Each structure stands twice: as structure tokens, then as C-alpha cells.
Amino acid sequence: MKYSELILILLEHGCEFHHHASRHDIWINRDGKKFPVPRHGAKEVSTPTLNSILKQAGIK
């Protein structure tokens, strides 16, 4: 999955962008918990990283 597709999924599930860090963006899930999302540009997000982000976002 591409980074841009991941961002759309996060937005659809009520997550909000919080701020930019050095190499990651910090997002907030519906429960108010912050989680990092690496900036990959047009590259694919690896499956383990994708699963971890979705879990922290409360989607999976």
C-alpha cells in the first residue's frame, strides 16, 4: 500500500494529523492517542509497518 492510500484510510477512520516530526508525521486516533506514521512519499509501506500503524490507529 502506498503512503497516500494509508493517509486516506486514516482520515476515513477519524484519525487526525497532529504535526510533522523529523522523519515521521504524528497522528491522533479517535481515543486521543498519538502514533507515528513514516513519510515514504510514493514508496510502498511495508506490511509489518502498515499493520503496526493500523493497530495503533485503532483500525485493526
Protein backbone atom coordinates (compact mmCIF):
# COMPACT_ATOMS: atom_id res chain seq x y z
CA MET A 1 0.00 0.00 0.00
CA LYS A 2 1.29 3.46 -0.82
CA TYR A 3 1.69 6.16 1.80
CA SER A 4 -1.02 8.29 0.14
CA GLU A 5 -3.51 5.39 0.33
CA LEU A 6 -2.69 4.88 4.01
CA ILE A 7 -3.38 8.55 4.74
CA LEU A 8 -6.82 8.27 3.12
CA ILE A 9 -7.64 5.22 5.27
CA LEU A 10 -6.56 7.03 8.43
CA LEU A 11 -8.73 10.04 7.56
CA GLU A 12 -11.74 7.82 6.75
CA HIS A 13 -11.47 6.23 10.20
CA GLY A 14 -11.44 9.50 12.09
CA CYS A 15 -7.72 9.93 12.67
CA GLU A 16 -6.29 13.42 12.53
CA PHE A 17 -2.88 14.76 11.58
CA HIS A 18 -1.15 16.37 14.58
CA HIS A 19 2.31 17.56 13.43
CA HIS A 20 5.45 16.81 11.44
CA ALA A 21 8.40 15.28 13.25
CA SER A 22 11.85 14.76 11.70
CA ARG A 23 11.09 11.67 9.58
CA HIS A 24 7.56 10.87 10.69
CA ASP A 25 4.17 12.51 10.88
CA ILE A 26 2.39 12.31 14.21
CA TRP A 27 -1.31 11.41 14.03
CA ILE A 28 -4.02 11.15 16.68
CA ASN A 29 -6.62 8.36 16.73
CA ARG A 30 -10.23 8.75 17.90
CA ASP A 31 -9.22 7.97 21.50
CA GLY A 32 -6.70 10.84 21.53
CA LYS A 33 -3.63 8.59 21.40
CA LYS A 34 -0.73 9.76 19.24
CA PHE A 35 1.10 7.46 16.85
CA PRO A 36 3.87 7.96 14.27
CA VAL A 37 3.49 7.42 10.54
CA PRO A 38 6.72 7.42 8.49
CA ARG A 39 6.83 9.64 5.42
CA HIS A 40 7.58 7.38 2.45
CA GLY A 41 6.36 9.61 -0.37
CA ALA A 42 5.36 7.43 -3.32
CA LYS A 43 7.02 4.31 -1.91
CA GLU A 44 5.16 1.31 -0.57
CA VAL A 45 4.67 0.96 3.19
CA SER A 46 5.93 -2.45 4.33
CA THR A 47 3.33 -4.90 5.65
CA PRO A 48 4.67 -5.05 9.23
CA THR A 49 4.79 -1.24 9.40
CA LEU A 50 1.30 -0.96 7.90
CA ASN A 51 -0.13 -3.45 10.40
CA SER A 52 1.50 -1.60 13.30
CA ILE A 53 0.12 1.77 12.18
CA LEU A 54 -3.39 0.38 11.68
CA LYS A 55 -3.29 -1.24 15.12
CA GLN A 56 -2.16 1.98 16.81
CA ALA A 57 -4.86 3.88 14.92
CA GLY A 58 -7.50 1.51 16.27
CA ILE A 59 -8.48 0.29 12.81
CA LYS A 60 -7.21 -3.28 13.05
